[in-house]
Amino acid sequence: MAKLSVFEPPSCCGGGNDTELKFKADLEWAQQNGVDIERFSLAAQPAAFAENTTVKQLLDTDGMDCLPLIFVNDEVFAKGTYPSRTELGEKLGLAGAEAE
């Protein structure tokens, strides 16, 4: 089973803009298709950011511009942007991703 980890800036997860809302729906779709999903907000779970070596390093080098950080199976998949459902589906090997 694929694992998706999302490290988000402090301003998200509380409703969000259209892009964040669409991504939330895409995560629900991925989860319904068997993907294990973890979401971390910098405001709510700062320890998760400090404990992940890659996240900490990217924050040190790129600052907040690297967020959101999306990992697939512990490898950076997207940095600074939310991927589309099609991109997620292709990376995760899920069929029907084009039906956004």
PDB file of N, CA and C in Angstrom:
ATOM      1  N   MET A   1       0.844  -1.175   0.000  1.00  0.00           N
ATOM      2  CA  MET A   1       0.000   0.000   0.000  1.00  0.00           C
ATOM      3  C   MET A   1       0.897   1.248   0.000  1.00  0.00           C
ATOM      4  N   ALA A   2       0.526   2.206  -0.824  1.00  0.00           N
ATOM      5  CA  ALA A   2       1.265   3.463  -0.888  1.00  0.00           C
ATOM      6  C   ALA A   2       0.983   4.304   0.357  1.00  0.00           C
ATOM      7  N   LYS A   3       1.973   5.108   0.710  1.00  0.00           N
ATOM      8  CA  LYS A   3       1.843   6.002   1.858  1.00  0.00           C
ATOM      9  C   LYS A   3       2.072   7.432   1.370  1.00  0.00           C
ATOM     10  N   LEU A   4       1.177   8.322   1.729  1.00  0.00           N
ATOM     11  CA  LEU A   4       1.257   9.725   1.347  1.00  0.00           C
ATOM     12  C   LEU A   4       1.337  10.559   2.617  1.00  0.00           C
ATOM     13  N   SER A   5       2.387  11.368   2.727  1.00  0.00           N
ATOM     14  CA  SER A   5       2.550  12.250   3.882  1.00  0.00           C
ATOM     15  C   SER A   5       2.531  13.689   3.386  1.00  0.00           C
ATOM     16  N   VAL A   6       1.735  14.522   4.043  1.00  0.00           N
ATOM     17  CA  VAL A   6       1.557  15.906   3.629  1.00  0.00           C
ATOM     18  C   VAL A   6       1.948  16.817   4.788  1.00  0.00           C
ATOM     19  N   PHE A   7       2.933  17.680   4.551  1.00  0.00           N
ATOM     20  CA  PHE A   7       3.383  18.663   5.532  1.00  0.00           C
ATOM     21  C   PHE A   7       2.942  20.032   5.023  1.00  0.00           C
ATOM     22  N   GLU A   8       2.002  20.659   5.742  1.00  0.00           N
ATOM     23  CA  GLU A   8       1.361  21.869   5.243  1.00  0.00           C
ATOM     24  C   GLU A   8       1.702  23.103   6.073  1.00  0.00           C
ATOM     25  N   PRO A   9       1.613  24.272   5.429  1.00  0.00           N
ATOM     26  CA  PRO A   9       1.876  25.520   6.152  1.00  0.00           C
ATOM     27  C   PRO A   9       0.810  25.757   7.215  1.00  0.00           C
ATOM     28  N   PRO A  10       1.081  26.646   8.155  1.00  0.00           N
ATOM     29  CA  PRO A  10       0.138  26.865   9.258  1.00  0.00           C
ATOM     30  C   PRO A  10      -1.202  27.428   8.826  1.00  0.00           C
ATOM     31  N   SER A  11      -1.286  28.056   7.693  1.00  0.00           N
ATOM     32  CA  SER A  11      -2.534  28.711   7.283  1.00  0.00           C
ATOM     33  C   SER A  11      -3.549  27.761   6.683  1.00  0.00           C
ATOM     34  N   CYS A  12      -3.186  26.506   6.422  1.00  0.00           N
ATOM     35  CA  CYS A  12      -4.123  25.598   5.761  1.00  0.00           C
ATOM     36  C   CYS A  12      -4.879  24.736   6.757  1.00  0.00           C
ATOM     37  N   CYS A  13      -5.630  23.829   6.241  1.00  0.00           N
ATOM     38  CA  CYS A  13      -6.337  22.783   6.990  1.00  0.00           C
ATOM     39  C   CYS A  13      -7.553  23.286   7.767  1.00  0.00           C
ATOM     40  N   GLY A  14      -7.799  24.564   7.795  1.00  0.00           N
ATOM     41  CA  GLY A  14      -8.950  25.059   8.532  1.00  0.00           C
ATOM     42  C   GLY A  14     -10.073  25.501   7.630  1.00  0.00           C
ATOM     43  N   GLY A  15     -10.134  24.999   6.457  1.00  0.00           N
ATOM     44  CA  GLY A  15     -11.113  25.414   5.466  1.00  0.00           C
ATOM     45  C   GLY A  15     -10.384  25.548   4.162  1.00  0.00           C
ATOM     46  N   GLY A  16      -9.628  26.625   4.047  1.00  0.00           N
ATOM     47  CA  GLY A  16      -8.726  26.762   2.928  1.00  0.00           C
ATOM     48  C   GLY A  16      -9.319  27.387   1.691  1.00  0.00           C
ATOM     49  N   ASN A  17      -8.434  27.635   0.734  1.00  0.00           N
ATOM     50  CA  ASN A  17      -8.836  28.192  -0.540  1.00  0.00           C
ATOM     51  C   ASN A  17      -9.284  27.068  -1.469  1.00  0.00           C
ATOM     52  N   ASP A  18      -9.628  27.418  -2.705  1.00  0.00           N
ATOM     53  CA  ASP A  18     -10.122  26.407  -3.642  1.00  0.00           C
ATOM     54  C   ASP A  18      -9.110  25.294  -3.893  1.00  0.00           C
ATOM     55  N   THR A  19      -7.830  25.656  -4.015  1.00  0.00           N
ATOM     56  CA  THR A  19      -6.790  24.660  -4.259  1.00  0.00           C
ATOM     57  C   THR A  19      -6.693  23.688  -3.087  1.00  0.00           C
ATOM     58  N   GLU A  20      -6.711  24.215  -1.863  1.00  0.00           N
ATOM     59  CA  GLU A  20      -6.623  23.359  -0.676  1.00  0.00           C
ATOM     60  C   GLU A  20      -7.861  22.470  -0.546  1.00  0.00           C
ATOM     61  N   LEU A  21      -9.031  23.006  -0.860  1.00  0.00           N
ATOM     62  CA  LEU A  21     -10.259  22.219  -0.782  1.00  0.00           C
ATOM     63  C   LEU A  21     -10.263  21.103  -1.823  1.00  0.00           C
ATOM     64  N   LYS A  22      -9.787  21.411  -3.021  1.00  0.00           N
ATOM     65  CA  LYS A  22      -9.699  20.401  -4.072  1.00  0.00           C
ATOM     66  C   LYS A  22      -8.703  19.314  -3.672  1.00  0.00           C
ATOM     67  N   PHE A  23      -7.579  19.718  -3.099  1.00  0.00           N
ATOM     68  CA  PHE A  23      -6.586  18.739  -2.666  1.00  0.00           C
ATOM     69  C   PHE A  23      -7.153  17.855  -1.560  1.00  0.00           C
ATOM     70  N   LYS A  24      -7.922  18.433  -0.658  1.00  0.00           N
ATOM     71  CA  LYS A  24      -8.551  17.638   0.412  1.00  0.00           C
ATOM     72  C   LYS A  24      -9.453  16.567  -0.201  1.00  0.00           C
ATOM     73  N   ALA A  25     -10.229  16.941  -1.223  1.00  0.00           N
ATOM     74  CA  ALA A  25     -11.082  15.965  -1.911  1.00  0.00           C
ATOM     75  C   ALA A  25     -10.235  14.901  -2.605  1.00  0.00           C
ATOM     76  N   ASP A  26      -9.105  15.317  -3.181  1.00  0.00           N
ATOM     77  CA  ASP A  26      -8.210  14.367  -3.838  1.00  0.00           C
ATOM     78  C   ASP A  26      -7.606  13.390  -2.833  1.00  0.00           C
ATOM     79  N   LEU A  27      -7.287  13.877  -1.631  1.00  0.00           N
ATOM     80  CA  LEU A  27      -6.780  12.992  -0.580  1.00  0.00           C
ATOM     81  C   LEU A  27      -7.838  11.986  -0.153  1.00  0.00           C
ATOM     82  N   GLU A  28      -9.079  12.435  -0.046  1.00  0.00           N
ATOM     83  CA  GLU A  28     -10.161  11.518   0.318  1.00  0.00           C
ATOM     84  C   GLU A  28     -10.317  10.442  -0.747  1.00  0.00           C
ATOM     85  N   TRP A  29     -10.223  10.852  -2.025  1.00  0.00           N
ATOM     86  CA  TRP A  29     -10.292   9.901  -3.141  1.00  0.00           C
ATOM     87  C   TRP A  29      -9.156   8.890  -3.042  1.00  0.00           C
ATOM     88  N   ALA A  30      -7.939   9.358  -2.793  1.00  0.00           N
ATOM     89  CA  ALA A  30      -6.782   8.467  -2.684  1.00  0.00           C
ATOM     90  C   ALA A  30      -6.965   7.496  -1.518  1.00  0.00           C
ATOM     91  N   GLN A  31      -7.459   8.007  -0.401  1.00  0.00           N
ATOM     92  CA  GLN A  31      -7.665   7.157   0.775  1.00  0.00           C
ATOM     93  C   GLN A  31      -8.707   6.075   0.479  1.00  0.00           C
ATOM     94  N   GLN A  32      -9.759   6.441  -0.243  1.00  0.00           N
ATOM     95  CA  GLN A  32     -10.782   5.463  -0.612  1.00  0.00           C
ATOM     96  C   GLN A  32     -10.227   4.390  -1.541  1.00  0.00           C
ATOM     97  N   ASN A  33      -9.114   4.717  -2.194  1.00  0.00           N
ATOM     98  CA  ASN A  33      -8.463   3.769  -3.100  1.00  0.00           C
ATOM     99  C   ASN A  33      -7.280   3.067  -2.440  1.00  0.00           C
ATOM    100  N   GLY A  34      -7.234   3.075  -1.105  1.00  0.00           N
ATOM    101  CA  GLY A  34      -6.272   2.278  -0.366  1.00  0.00           C
ATOM    102  C   GLY A  34      -4.966   2.947   0.013  1.00  0.00           C
ATOM    103  N   VAL A  35      -4.837   4.254  -0.183  1.00  0.00           N
ATOM    104  CA  VAL A  35      -3.608   4.952   0.158  1.00  0.00           C
ATOM    105  C   VAL A  35      -3.644   5.355   1.632  1.00  0.00           C
ATOM    106  N   ASP A  36      -2.558   5.093   2.335  1.00  0.00           N
ATOM    107  CA  ASP A  36      -2.402   5.487   3.737  1.00  0.00           C
ATOM    108  C   ASP A  36      -1.960   6.953   3.749  1.00  0.00           C
ATOM    109  N   ILE A  37      -2.721   7.819   4.394  1.00  0.00           N
ATOM    110  CA  ILE A  37      -2.457   9.259   4.349  1.00  0.00           C
ATOM    111  C   ILE A  37      -2.220   9.818   5.746  1.00  0.00           C
ATOM    112  N   GLU A  38      -1.149  10.629   5.846  1.00  0.00           N
ATOM    113  CA  GLU A  38      -0.842  11.370   7.069  1.00  0.00           C
ATOM    114  C   GLU A  38      -0.778  12.846   6.678  1.00  0.00           C
ATOM    115  N   ARG A  39      -1.413  13.709   7.468  1.00  0.00           N
ATOM    116  CA  ARG A  39      -1.350  15.154   7.241  1.00  0.00           C
ATOM    117  C   ARG A  39      -0.826  15.822   8.490  1.00  0.00           C
ATOM    118  N   PHE A  40       0.082  16.774   8.284  1.00  0.00           N
ATOM    119  CA  PHE A  40       0.666  17.517   9.383  1.00  0.00           C
ATOM    120  C   PHE A  40       0.591  19.006   9.080  1.00  0.00           C
ATOM    121  N   SER A  41       0.104  19.777  10.032  1.00  0.00           N
ATOM    122  CA  SER A  41       0.074  21.232   9.919  1.00  0.00           C
ATOM    123  C   SER A  41       1.175  21.795  10.801  1.00  0.00           C
ATOM    124  N   LEU A  42       1.921  22.744  10.273  1.00  0.00           N
ATOM    125  CA  LEU A  42       2.999  23.352  11.045  1.00  0.00           C
ATOM    126  C   LEU A  42       2.462  24.003  12.316  1.00  0.00           C
ATOM    127  N   ALA A  43       1.268  24.566  12.247  1.00  0.00           N
ATOM    128  CA  ALA A  43       0.686  25.225  13.416  1.00  0.00           C
ATOM    129  C   ALA A  43       0.282  24.213  14.498  1.00  0.00           C
ATOM    130  N   ALA A  44      -0.249  23.073  14.079  1.00  0.00           N
ATOM    131  CA  ALA A  44      -0.782  22.107  15.037  1.00  0.00           C
ATOM    132  C   ALA A  44       0.218  21.036  15.458  1.00  0.00           C
ATOM    133  N   GLN A  45       1.167  20.695  14.573  1.00  0.00           N
ATOM    134  CA  GLN A  45       2.098  19.599  14.855  1.00  0.00           C
ATOM    135  C   GLN A  45       3.538  19.979  14.504  1.00  0.00           C
ATOM    136  N   PRO A  46       4.088  21.015  15.114  1.00  0.00           N
ATOM    137  CA  PRO A  46       5.447  21.443  14.759  1.00  0.00           C
ATOM    138  C   PRO A  46       6.507  20.371  15.022  1.00  0.00           C
ATOM    139  N   ALA A  47       6.275  19.498  15.974  1.00  0.00           N
ATOM    140  CA  ALA A  47       7.254  18.446  16.274  1.00  0.00           C
ATOM    141  C   ALA A  47       7.445  17.507  15.084  1.00  0.00           C
ATOM    142  N   ALA A  48       6.377  17.235  14.335  1.00  0.00           N
ATOM    143  CA  ALA A  48       6.482  16.358  13.161  1.00  0.00           C
ATOM    144  C   ALA A  48       7.420  16.964  12.122  1.00  0.00           C
ATOM    145  N   PHE A  49       7.427  18.281  12.006  1.00  0.00           N
ATOM    146  CA  PHE A  49       8.301  18.977  11.062  1.00  0.00           C
ATOM    147  C   PHE A  49       9.752  18.910  11.539  1.00  0.00           C
ATOM    148  N   ALA A  50       9.958  19.084  12.828  1.00  0.00           N
ATOM    149  CA  ALA A  50      11.307  19.065  13.391  1.00  0.00           C
ATOM    150  C   ALA A  50      11.904  17.666  13.393  1.00  0.00           C
ATOM    151  N   GLU A  51      11.060  16.643  13.517  1.00  0.00           N
ATOM    152  CA  GLU A  51      11.540  15.269  13.605  1.00  0.00           C
ATOM    153  C   GLU A  51      11.854  14.648  12.245  1.00  0.00           C
ATOM    154  N   ASN A  52      11.290  15.195  11.172  1.00  0.00           N
ATOM    155  CA  ASN A  52      11.535  14.664   9.836  1.00  0.00           C
ATOM    156  C   ASN A  52      12.752  15.377   9.249  1.00  0.00           C
ATOM    157  N   THR A  53      13.836  14.650   9.061  1.00  0.00           N
ATOM    158  CA  THR A  53      15.104  15.233   8.616  1.00  0.00           C
ATOM    159  C   THR A  53      14.964  15.968   7.284  1.00  0.00           C
ATOM    160  N   THR A  54      14.261  15.379   6.331  1.00  0.00           N
ATOM    161  CA  THR A  54      14.107  16.006   5.013  1.00  0.00           C
ATOM    162  C   THR A  54      13.300  17.284   5.113  1.00  0.00           C
ATOM    163  N   VAL A  55      12.208  17.258   5.856  1.00  0.00           N
ATOM    164  CA  VAL A  55      11.378  18.450   6.026  1.00  0.00           C
ATOM    165  C   VAL A  55      12.185  19.553   6.701  1.00  0.00           C
ATOM    166  N   LYS A  56      12.878  19.198   7.761  1.00  0.00           N
ATOM    167  CA  LYS A  56      13.690  20.193   8.483  1.00  0.00           C
ATOM    168  C   LYS A  56      14.745  20.810   7.567  1.00  0.00           C
ATOM    169  N   GLN A  57      15.424  19.980   6.778  1.00  0.00           N
ATOM    170  CA  GLN A  57      16.456  20.476   5.867  1.00  0.00           C
ATOM    171  C   GLN A  57      15.858  21.403   4.807  1.00  0.00           C
ATOM    172  N   LEU A  58      14.732  21.025   4.236  1.00  0.00           N
ATOM    173  CA  LEU A  58      14.105  21.870   3.215  1.00  0.00           C
ATOM    174  C   LEU A  58      13.604  23.184   3.807  1.00  0.00           C
ATOM    175  N   LEU A  59      13.087  23.148   5.017  1.00  0.00           N
ATOM    176  CA  LEU A  59      12.679  24.390   5.676  1.00  0.00           C
ATOM    177  C   LEU A  59      13.894  25.282   5.945  1.00  0.00           C
ATOM    178  N   ASP A  60      15.015  24.672   6.324  1.00  0.00           N
ATOM    179  CA  ASP A  60      16.243  25.443   6.573  1.00  0.00           C
ATOM    180  C   ASP A  60      16.772  26.082   5.297  1.00  0.00           C
ATOM    181  N   THR A  61      16.708  25.370   4.171  1.00  0.00           N
ATOM    182  CA  THR A  61      17.267  25.891   2.918  1.00  0.00           C
ATOM    183  C   THR A  61      16.287  26.749   2.127  1.00  0.00           C
ATOM    184  N   ASP A  62      15.008  26.335   2.077  1.00  0.00           N
ATOM    185  CA  ASP A  62      14.019  27.015   1.234  1.00  0.00           C
ATOM    186  C   ASP A  62      13.047  27.889   2.009  1.00  0.00           C
ATOM    187  N   GLY A  63      13.018  27.750   3.310  1.00  0.00           N
ATOM    188  CA  GLY A  63      12.041  28.486   4.112  1.00  0.00           C
ATOM    189  C   GLY A  63      10.640  27.960   3.880  1.00  0.00           C
ATOM    190  N   MET A  64       9.666  28.766   4.206  1.00  0.00           N
ATOM    191  CA  MET A  64       8.263  28.365   4.116  1.00  0.00           C
ATOM    192  C   MET A  64       7.796  28.127   2.679  1.00  0.00           C
ATOM    193  N   ASP A  65       8.577  28.583   1.695  1.00  0.00           N
ATOM    194  CA  ASP A  65       8.207  28.386   0.294  1.00  0.00           C
ATOM    195  C   ASP A  65       8.162  26.915  -0.102  1.00  0.00           C
ATOM    196  N   CYS A  66       8.811  26.042   0.667  1.00  0.00           N
ATOM    197  CA  CYS A  66       8.809  24.618   0.323  1.00  0.00           C
ATOM    198  C   CYS A  66       7.491  23.945   0.719  1.00  0.00           C
ATOM    199  N   LEU A  67       6.674  24.624   1.501  1.00  0.00           N
ATOM    200  CA  LEU A  67       5.397  24.035   1.942  1.00  0.00           C
ATOM    201  C   LEU A  67       4.285  24.381   0.963  1.00  0.00           C
ATOM    202  N   PRO A  68       3.393  23.469   0.698  1.00  0.00           N
ATOM    203  CA  PRO A  68       3.293  22.120   1.250  1.00  0.00           C
ATOM    204  C   PRO A  68       4.358  21.194   0.664  1.00  0.00           C
ATOM    205  N   LEU A  69       4.751  20.245   1.477  1.00  0.00           N
ATOM    206  CA  LEU A  69       5.654  19.176   1.050  1.00  0.00           C
ATOM    207  C   LEU A  69       4.846  17.881   1.023  1.00  0.00           C
ATOM    208  N   ILE A  70       4.883  17.217  -0.115  1.00  0.00           N
ATOM    209  CA  ILE A  70       4.129  15.984  -0.277  1.00  0.00           C
ATOM    210  C   ILE A  70       5.124  14.849  -0.504  1.00  0.00           C
ATOM    211  N   PHE A  71       5.048  13.825   0.327  1.00  0.00           N
ATOM    212  CA  PHE A  71       5.907  12.651   0.208  1.00  0.00           C
ATOM    213  C   PHE A  71       5.069  11.454  -0.221  1.00  0.00           C
ATOM    214  N   VAL A  72       5.618  10.651  -1.114  1.00  0.00           N
ATOM    215  CA  VAL A  72       5.032   9.362  -1.453  1.00  0.00           C
ATOM    216  C   VAL A  72       6.066   8.318  -1.066  1.00  0.00           C
ATOM    217  N   ASN A  73       5.675   7.445  -0.152  1.00  0.00           N
ATOM    218  CA  ASN A  73       6.573   6.403   0.365  1.00  0.00           C
ATOM    219  C   ASN A  73       7.909   7.002   0.827  1.00  0.00           C
ATOM    220  N   ASP A  74       7.812   8.092   1.577  1.00  0.00           N
ATOM    221  CA  ASP A  74       8.955   8.759   2.213  1.00  0.00           C
ATOM    222  C   ASP A  74       9.915   9.449   1.240  1.00  0.00           C
ATOM    223  N   GLU A  75       9.502   9.651  -0.020  1.00  0.00           N
ATOM    224  CA  GLU A  75      10.299  10.401  -0.985  1.00  0.00           C
ATOM    225  C   GLU A  75       9.528  11.652  -1.388  1.00  0.00           C
ATOM    226  N   VAL A  76      10.245  12.782  -1.510  1.00  0.00           N
ATOM    227  CA  VAL A  76       9.587  14.034  -1.885  1.00  0.00           C
ATOM    228  C   VAL A  76       8.961  13.873  -3.266  1.00  0.00           C
ATOM    229  N   PHE A  77       7.675  14.162  -3.341  1.00  0.00           N
ATOM    230  CA  PHE A  77       6.932  14.103  -4.600  1.00  0.00           C
ATOM    231  C   PHE A  77       6.601  15.501  -5.099  1.00  0.00           C
ATOM    232  N   ALA A  78       6.164  16.386  -4.209  1.00  0.00           N
ATOM    233  CA  ALA A  78       5.816  17.758  -4.596  1.00  0.00           C
ATOM    234  C   ALA A  78       6.311  18.706  -3.511  1.00  0.00           C
ATOM    235  N   LYS A  79       6.764  19.872  -3.948  1.00  0.00           N
ATOM    236  CA  LYS A  79       7.314  20.856  -3.016  1.00  0.00           C
ATOM    237  C   LYS A  79       6.767  22.229  -3.390  1.00  0.00           C
ATOM    238  N   GLY A  80       6.110  22.873  -2.426  1.00  0.00           N
ATOM    239  CA  GLY A  80       5.618  24.229  -2.630  1.00  0.00           C
ATOM    240  C   GLY A  80       4.316  24.337  -3.390  1.00  0.00           C
ATOM    241  N   THR A  81       3.717  23.207  -3.721  1.00  0.00           N
ATOM    242  CA  THR A  81       2.453  23.215  -4.460  1.00  0.00           C
ATOM    243  C   THR A  81       1.696  21.915  -4.200  1.00  0.00           C
ATOM    244  N   TYR A  82       0.390  21.981  -4.371  1.00  0.00           N
ATOM    245  CA  TYR A  82      -0.430  20.782  -4.244  1.00  0.00           C
ATOM    246  C   TYR A  82      -0.547  20.134  -5.617  1.00  0.00           C
ATOM    247  N   PRO A  83      -0.234  18.849  -5.733  1.00  0.00           N
ATOM    248  CA  PRO A  83      -0.376  18.176  -7.027  1.00  0.00           C
ATOM    249  C   PRO A  83      -1.848  17.972  -7.375  1.00  0.00           C
ATOM    250  N   SER A  84      -2.112  17.799  -8.664  1.00  0.00           N
ATOM    251  CA  SER A  84      -3.475  17.522  -9.120  1.00  0.00           C
ATOM    252  C   SER A  84      -3.827  16.063  -8.831  1.00  0.00           C
ATOM    253  N   ARG A  85      -5.099  15.737  -8.964  1.00  0.00           N
ATOM    254  CA  ARG A  85      -5.528  14.348  -8.777  1.00  0.00           C
ATOM    255  C   ARG A  85      -4.877  13.454  -9.831  1.00  0.00           C
ATOM    256  N   THR A  86      -4.745  13.970 -11.032  1.00  0.00           N
ATOM    257  CA  THR A  86      -4.102  13.196 -12.096  1.00  0.00           C
ATOM    258  C   THR A  86      -2.658  12.887 -11.727  1.00  0.00           C
ATOM    259  N   GLU A  87      -1.926  13.894 -11.241  1.00  0.00           N
ATOM    260  CA  GLU A  87      -0.532  13.679 -10.828  1.00  0.00           C
ATOM    261  C   GLU A  87      -0.454  12.685  -9.678  1.00  0.00           C
ATOM    262  N   LEU A  88      -1.350  12.840  -8.693  1.00  0.00           N
ATOM    263  CA  LEU A  88      -1.383  11.893  -7.567  1.00  0.00           C
ATOM    264  C   LEU A  88      -1.653  10.478  -8.056  1.00  0.00           C
ATOM    265  N   GLY A  89      -2.662  10.345  -8.900  1.00  0.00           N
ATOM    266  CA  GLY A  89      -3.034   9.030  -9.408  1.00  0.00           C
ATOM    267  C   GLY A  89      -1.907   8.355 -10.156  1.00  0.00           C
ATOM    268  N   GLU A  90      -1.202   9.133 -10.982  1.00  0.00           N
ATOM    269  CA  GLU A  90      -0.074   8.571 -11.735  1.00  0.00           C
ATOM    270  C   GLU A  90       1.033   8.119 -10.787  1.00  0.00           C
ATOM    271  N   LYS A  91       1.368   8.946  -9.815  1.00  0.00           N
ATOM    272  CA  LYS A  91       2.445   8.618  -8.875  1.00  0.00           C
ATOM    273  C   LYS A  91       2.078   7.421  -7.996  1.00  0.00           C
ATOM    274  N   LEU A  92       0.809   7.354  -7.608  1.00  0.00           N
ATOM    275  CA  LEU A  92       0.354   6.297  -6.707  1.00  0.00           C
ATOM    276  C   LEU A  92      -0.106   5.039  -7.440  1.00  0.00           C
ATOM    277  N   GLY A  93      -0.190   5.117  -8.772  1.00  0.00           N
ATOM    278  CA  GLY A  93      -0.626   3.967  -9.557  1.00  0.00           C
ATOM    279  C   GLY A  93      -2.106   3.676  -9.413  1.00  0.00           C
ATOM    280  N   LEU A  94      -2.901   4.747  -9.290  1.00  0.00           N
ATOM    281  CA  LEU A  94      -4.348   4.575  -9.122  1.00  0.00           C
ATOM    282  C   LEU A  94      -5.069   4.819 -10.449  1.00  0.00           C
ATOM    283  N   ALA A  95      -5.995   3.952 -10.774  1.00  0.00           N
ATOM    284  CA  ALA A  95      -6.796   4.117 -11.973  1.00  0.00           C
ATOM    285  C   ALA A  95      -7.912   5.120 -11.719  1.00  0.00           C
ATOM    286  N   GLY A  96      -8.365   5.780 -12.746  1.00  0.00           N
ATOM    287  CA  GLY A  96      -9.479   6.711 -12.631  1.00  0.00           C
ATOM    288  C   GLY A  96      -9.087   8.085 -12.160  1.00  0.00           C
ATOM    289  N   ALA A  97      -7.801   8.398 -12.148  1.00  0.00           N
ATOM    290  CA  ALA A  97      -7.338   9.689 -11.679  1.00  0.00           C
ATOM    291  C   ALA A  97      -7.770  10.808 -12.603  1.00  0.00           C
ATOM    292  N   GLU A  98      -8.001  10.501 -13.868  1.00  0.00           N
ATOM    293  CA  GLU A  98      -8.379  11.542 -14.811  1.00  0.00           C
ATOM    294  C   GLU A  98      -9.800  12.054 -14.587  1.00  0.00           C
ATOM    295  N   ALA A  99     -10.579  11.373 -13.756  1.00  0.00           N
ATOM    296  CA  ALA A  99     -11.962  11.775 -13.454  1.00  0.00           C
ATOM    297  C   ALA A  99     -11.975  12.758 -12.310  1.00  0.00           C
ATOM    298  N   GLU A 100     -11.288  13.877 -12.489  1.00  0.00           N
ATOM    299  CA  GLU A 100     -11.194  14.884 -11.422  1.00  0.00           C
ATOM    300  C   GLU A 100     -12.517  15.522 -11.233  1.00  0.00           C
TER     301      GLU A 100
END
